[in-house]
Amino acid sequence: AVTRSEKGSVIVRGDETVTVNATAIKELVDTTGAGDLYAAGFLYGYTTGRNLKDCGDLGSLAAGLVIQQIGPRPRQNLRREAEQAGLLSGGHFQD
């Protein structure tokens, strides 16, 4: 995956290329931890068998949350945020 800040990310696997939009945010506060959180969300999706689009969406959500605060650790419960965004339940995918 190649992250592109507010332009989202591009994920390539073999002949497959997926473009993922950045998560909309209210205010950019601090970019510390954005790449790590994107990687964490992406890898969670990847290791639990999600498709590349869903992996990117999880990474984008995690990064989008952490850049709206000071510091590299999100204050929010990422699982709860992903569930509320429809990324871990309902039509998106099942846990």
N, C-alpha and C. Protein backbone atom coordinates (compact mmCIF):
# COMPACT_ATOMS: atom_id res chain seq x y z
N ALA A 1 0.85 -1.18 0.00
CA ALA A 1 0.00 0.00 0.00
C ALA A 1 0.89 1.24 0.00
N VAL A 2 0.48 2.21 -0.75
CA VAL A 2 1.15 3.51 -0.77
C VAL A 2 0.16 4.53 -0.22
N THR A 3 0.52 5.17 0.89
CA THR A 3 -0.36 6.18 1.46
C THR A 3 -0.02 7.53 0.85
N ARG A 4 -1.08 8.34 0.66
CA ARG A 4 -0.91 9.63 -0.02
C ARG A 4 -1.61 10.76 0.74
N SER A 5 -1.51 10.74 2.04
CA SER A 5 -2.11 11.78 2.90
C SER A 5 -3.59 11.95 2.59
N GLU A 6 -4.02 13.19 2.33
CA GLU A 6 -5.44 13.46 2.10
C GLU A 6 -5.95 12.87 0.79
N LYS A 7 -5.06 12.34 -0.04
CA LYS A 7 -5.48 11.71 -1.30
C LYS A 7 -5.80 10.23 -1.12
N GLY A 8 -5.66 9.71 0.10
CA GLY A 8 -5.98 8.31 0.35
C GLY A 8 -4.79 7.40 0.12
N SER A 9 -5.06 6.21 -0.37
CA SER A 9 -3.99 5.24 -0.59
C SER A 9 -4.27 4.42 -1.84
N VAL A 10 -3.21 3.82 -2.33
CA VAL A 10 -3.30 2.92 -3.47
C VAL A 10 -2.68 1.60 -3.03
N ILE A 11 -3.41 0.51 -3.25
CA ILE A 11 -2.97 -0.81 -2.85
C ILE A 11 -2.83 -1.66 -4.10
N VAL A 12 -1.68 -2.33 -4.23
CA VAL A 12 -1.43 -3.17 -5.41
C VAL A 12 -1.05 -4.57 -4.94
N ARG A 13 -1.71 -5.57 -5.52
CA ARG A 13 -1.35 -6.97 -5.29
C ARG A 13 -1.46 -7.67 -6.63
N GLY A 14 -0.34 -8.07 -7.19
CA GLY A 14 -0.35 -8.70 -8.50
C GLY A 14 -0.90 -7.74 -9.54
N ASP A 15 -1.92 -8.17 -10.26
CA ASP A 15 -2.56 -7.34 -11.28
C ASP A 15 -3.69 -6.47 -10.71
N GLU A 16 -3.98 -6.63 -9.43
CA GLU A 16 -5.09 -5.90 -8.80
C GLU A 16 -4.60 -4.57 -8.21
N THR A 17 -5.29 -3.49 -8.54
CA THR A 17 -4.99 -2.17 -7.97
C THR A 17 -6.27 -1.60 -7.39
N VAL A 18 -6.20 -1.18 -6.13
CA VAL A 18 -7.36 -0.63 -5.43
C VAL A 18 -7.00 0.77 -4.92
N THR A 19 -7.87 1.73 -5.18
CA THR A 19 -7.70 3.08 -4.66
C THR A 19 -8.68 3.29 -3.52
N VAL A 20 -8.18 3.80 -2.41
CA VAL A 20 -9.00 4.00 -1.21
C VAL A 20 -8.98 5.49 -0.86
N ASN A 21 -10.14 6.05 -0.61
CA ASN A 21 -10.23 7.45 -0.20
C ASN A 21 -9.76 7.63 1.23
N ALA A 22 -9.23 8.80 1.53
CA ALA A 22 -8.89 9.14 2.90
C ALA A 22 -10.19 9.32 3.69
N THR A 23 -10.13 9.02 4.97
CA THR A 23 -11.27 9.26 5.84
C THR A 23 -11.44 10.76 6.04
N ALA A 24 -12.66 11.24 5.93
CA ALA A 24 -12.94 12.66 6.16
C ALA A 24 -12.68 12.99 7.62
N ILE A 25 -12.03 14.11 7.86
CA ILE A 25 -11.75 14.54 9.23
C ILE A 25 -12.28 15.94 9.46
N LYS A 26 -12.47 16.27 10.74
CA LYS A 26 -12.93 17.62 11.10
C LYS A 26 -11.77 18.60 11.12
N GLU A 27 -10.65 18.20 11.73
CA GLU A 27 -9.51 19.10 11.85
C GLU A 27 -8.22 18.30 11.96
N LEU A 28 -7.23 18.65 11.15
CA LEU A 28 -5.91 18.05 11.24
C LEU A 28 -5.17 18.69 12.40
N VAL A 29 -4.74 17.87 13.37
CA VAL A 29 -4.06 18.38 14.55
C VAL A 29 -2.59 17.97 14.56
N ASP A 30 -2.30 16.68 14.33
CA ASP A 30 -0.94 16.17 14.45
C ASP A 30 -0.85 14.88 13.64
N THR A 31 0.10 14.79 12.73
CA THR A 31 0.21 13.60 11.88
C THR A 31 1.05 12.49 12.50
N THR A 32 1.55 12.70 13.71
CA THR A 32 2.34 11.68 14.38
C THR A 32 1.52 10.40 14.53
N GLY A 33 2.04 9.30 14.04
CA GLY A 33 1.37 8.02 14.18
C GLY A 33 0.46 7.64 13.04
N ALA A 34 0.25 8.54 12.09
CA ALA A 34 -0.69 8.26 11.00
C ALA A 34 -0.29 7.03 10.19
N GLY A 35 0.96 6.94 9.83
CA GLY A 35 1.42 5.79 9.05
C GLY A 35 1.33 4.49 9.82
N ASP A 36 1.70 4.54 11.09
CA ASP A 36 1.62 3.34 11.93
C ASP A 36 0.18 2.88 12.10
N LEU A 37 -0.73 3.82 12.30
CA LEU A 37 -2.13 3.46 12.48
C LEU A 37 -2.74 2.96 11.19
N TYR A 38 -2.35 3.55 10.05
CA TYR A 38 -2.82 3.03 8.76
C TYR A 38 -2.36 1.58 8.62
N ALA A 39 -1.08 1.33 8.89
CA ALA A 39 -0.55 -0.02 8.78
C ALA A 39 -1.27 -0.98 9.72
N ALA A 40 -1.55 -0.55 10.93
CA ALA A 40 -2.24 -1.41 11.89
C ALA A 40 -3.64 -1.79 11.41
N GLY A 41 -4.39 -0.80 10.94
CA GLY A 41 -5.73 -1.09 10.43
C GLY A 41 -5.69 -1.97 9.21
N PHE A 42 -4.79 -1.65 8.28
CA PHE A 42 -4.65 -2.45 7.07
C PHE A 42 -4.29 -3.89 7.41
N LEU A 43 -3.29 -4.07 8.27
CA LEU A 43 -2.85 -5.42 8.61
C LEU A 43 -3.90 -6.20 9.39
N TYR A 44 -4.67 -5.53 10.22
CA TYR A 44 -5.78 -6.21 10.89
C TYR A 44 -6.73 -6.78 9.83
N GLY A 45 -7.10 -5.96 8.88
CA GLY A 45 -7.98 -6.42 7.82
C GLY A 45 -7.37 -7.55 7.02
N TYR A 46 -6.11 -7.40 6.67
CA TYR A 46 -5.43 -8.40 5.83
C TYR A 46 -5.31 -9.74 6.54
N THR A 47 -4.92 -9.72 7.82
CA THR A 47 -4.72 -10.97 8.54
C THR A 47 -6.03 -11.64 8.95
N THR A 48 -7.13 -10.92 8.83
CA THR A 48 -8.43 -11.52 9.13
C THR A 48 -9.21 -11.81 7.85
N GLY A 49 -8.52 -11.78 6.70
CA GLY A 49 -9.10 -12.25 5.45
C GLY A 49 -9.97 -11.26 4.70
N ARG A 50 -9.86 -9.97 5.00
CA ARG A 50 -10.68 -8.97 4.30
C ARG A 50 -10.13 -8.73 2.90
N ASN A 51 -10.95 -8.18 2.02
CA ASN A 51 -10.46 -7.81 0.69
C ASN A 51 -9.62 -6.53 0.81
N LEU A 52 -8.88 -6.22 -0.24
CA LEU A 52 -7.96 -5.08 -0.18
C LEU A 52 -8.66 -3.76 0.08
N LYS A 53 -9.82 -3.55 -0.48
CA LYS A 53 -10.57 -2.31 -0.25
C LYS A 53 -10.91 -2.16 1.23
N ASP A 54 -11.40 -3.22 1.84
CA ASP A 54 -11.74 -3.17 3.26
C ASP A 54 -10.49 -2.96 4.12
N CYS A 55 -9.38 -3.60 3.75
CA CYS A 55 -8.12 -3.39 4.47
C CYS A 55 -7.73 -1.91 4.44
N GLY A 56 -7.80 -1.32 3.26
CA GLY A 56 -7.48 0.09 3.12
C GLY A 56 -8.43 0.99 3.88
N ASP A 57 -9.71 0.64 3.87
CA ASP A 57 -10.69 1.44 4.62
C ASP A 57 -10.40 1.40 6.12
N LEU A 58 -10.03 0.24 6.63
CA LEU A 58 -9.69 0.14 8.05
C LEU A 58 -8.44 0.96 8.38
N GLY A 59 -7.45 0.89 7.51
CA GLY A 59 -6.25 1.69 7.71
C GLY A 59 -6.53 3.18 7.66
N SER A 60 -7.34 3.57 6.70
CA SER A 60 -7.70 4.98 6.54
C SER A 60 -8.47 5.49 7.75
N LEU A 61 -9.38 4.69 8.26
CA LEU A 61 -10.14 5.09 9.44
C LEU A 61 -9.21 5.30 10.64
N ALA A 62 -8.33 4.33 10.88
CA ALA A 62 -7.43 4.43 12.03
C ALA A 62 -6.52 5.65 11.91
N ALA A 63 -5.96 5.87 10.74
CA ALA A 63 -5.10 7.04 10.53
C ALA A 63 -5.89 8.33 10.68
N GLY A 64 -7.09 8.35 10.14
CA GLY A 64 -7.93 9.54 10.23
C GLY A 64 -8.29 9.92 11.65
N LEU A 65 -8.43 8.93 12.50
CA LEU A 65 -8.74 9.21 13.91
C LEU A 65 -7.54 9.79 14.63
N VAL A 66 -6.36 9.20 14.43
CA VAL A 66 -5.19 9.62 15.20
C VAL A 66 -4.69 11.01 14.79
N ILE A 67 -4.93 11.44 13.57
CA ILE A 67 -4.43 12.76 13.16
C ILE A 67 -5.30 13.92 13.65
N GLN A 68 -6.39 13.60 14.33
CA GLN A 68 -7.27 14.64 14.86
C GLN A 68 -6.99 14.92 16.34
N GLN A 69 -5.85 14.45 16.82
CA GLN A 69 -5.47 14.64 18.22
C GLN A 69 -3.96 14.79 18.29
N ILE A 70 -3.46 15.15 19.44
CA ILE A 70 -2.01 15.24 19.65
C ILE A 70 -1.52 13.88 20.13
N GLY A 71 -0.46 13.39 19.50
CA GLY A 71 0.16 12.14 19.93
C GLY A 71 -0.18 10.97 19.03
N PRO A 72 0.63 9.90 19.14
CA PRO A 72 0.51 8.77 18.23
C PRO A 72 -0.46 7.67 18.64
N ARG A 73 -1.06 7.78 19.81
CA ARG A 73 -1.98 6.73 20.26
C ARG A 73 -3.40 7.26 20.26
N PRO A 74 -4.28 6.57 19.53
CA PRO A 74 -5.66 7.06 19.48
C PRO A 74 -6.36 6.95 20.83
N ARG A 75 -7.12 7.96 21.17
CA ARG A 75 -7.89 7.93 22.41
C ARG A 75 -9.14 7.08 22.26
N GLN A 76 -9.63 6.97 21.03
CA GLN A 76 -10.85 6.24 20.77
C GLN A 76 -10.58 4.73 20.74
N ASN A 77 -11.62 3.97 20.98
CA ASN A 77 -11.57 2.53 20.81
C ASN A 77 -11.71 2.26 19.31
N LEU A 78 -10.64 1.81 18.67
CA LEU A 78 -10.65 1.66 17.21
C LEU A 78 -11.66 0.62 16.75
N ARG A 79 -11.82 -0.44 17.50
CA ARG A 79 -12.80 -1.46 17.12
C ARG A 79 -14.21 -0.85 17.12
N ARG A 80 -14.53 -0.12 18.16
CA ARG A 80 -15.85 0.51 18.25
C ARG A 80 -16.06 1.50 17.10
N GLU A 81 -15.03 2.29 16.81
CA GLU A 81 -15.13 3.25 15.71
C GLU A 81 -15.34 2.54 14.38
N ALA A 82 -14.63 1.43 14.17
CA ALA A 82 -14.79 0.67 12.93
C ALA A 82 -16.18 0.06 12.84
N GLU A 83 -16.69 -0.43 13.96
CA GLU A 83 -18.06 -0.97 13.97
C GLU A 83 -19.06 0.12 13.65
N GLN A 84 -18.90 1.30 14.26
CA GLN A 84 -19.83 2.41 14.01
C GLN A 84 -19.76 2.89 12.57
N ALA A 85 -18.60 2.75 11.95
CA ALA A 85 -18.43 3.13 10.54
C ALA A 85 -18.93 2.04 9.59
N GLY A 86 -19.39 0.93 10.17
CA GLY A 86 -19.89 -0.17 9.34
C GLY A 86 -18.81 -1.03 8.74
N LEU A 87 -17.60 -0.96 9.28
CA LEU A 87 -16.49 -1.72 8.71
C LEU A 87 -16.31 -3.11 9.32
N LEU A 88 -16.93 -3.37 10.46
CA LEU A 88 -16.76 -4.67 11.10
C LEU A 88 -18.06 -5.42 11.29
N SER A 89 -19.15 -4.87 10.82
CA SER A 89 -20.43 -5.57 11.00
C SER A 89 -21.36 -5.20 9.87
N GLY A 90 -22.49 -5.82 9.86
CA GLY A 90 -23.49 -5.50 8.84
C GLY A 90 -23.05 -5.91 7.46
N GLY A 91 -23.31 -5.06 6.47
CA GLY A 91 -23.06 -5.41 5.09
C GLY A 91 -21.61 -5.43 4.67
N HIS A 92 -20.73 -4.78 5.44
CA HIS A 92 -19.34 -4.68 4.99
C HIS A 92 -18.62 -6.00 5.13
N PHE A 93 -18.50 -6.51 6.32
CA PHE A 93 -18.02 -7.86 6.55
C PHE A 93 -18.34 -8.30 7.96
N GLN A 94 -18.29 -9.57 8.17
CA GLN A 94 -18.68 -10.16 9.45
C GLN A 94 -17.44 -10.56 10.24
N ASP A 95 -17.49 -10.40 11.55
CA ASP A 95 -16.44 -10.90 12.44
C ASP A 95 -16.92 -12.15 13.11
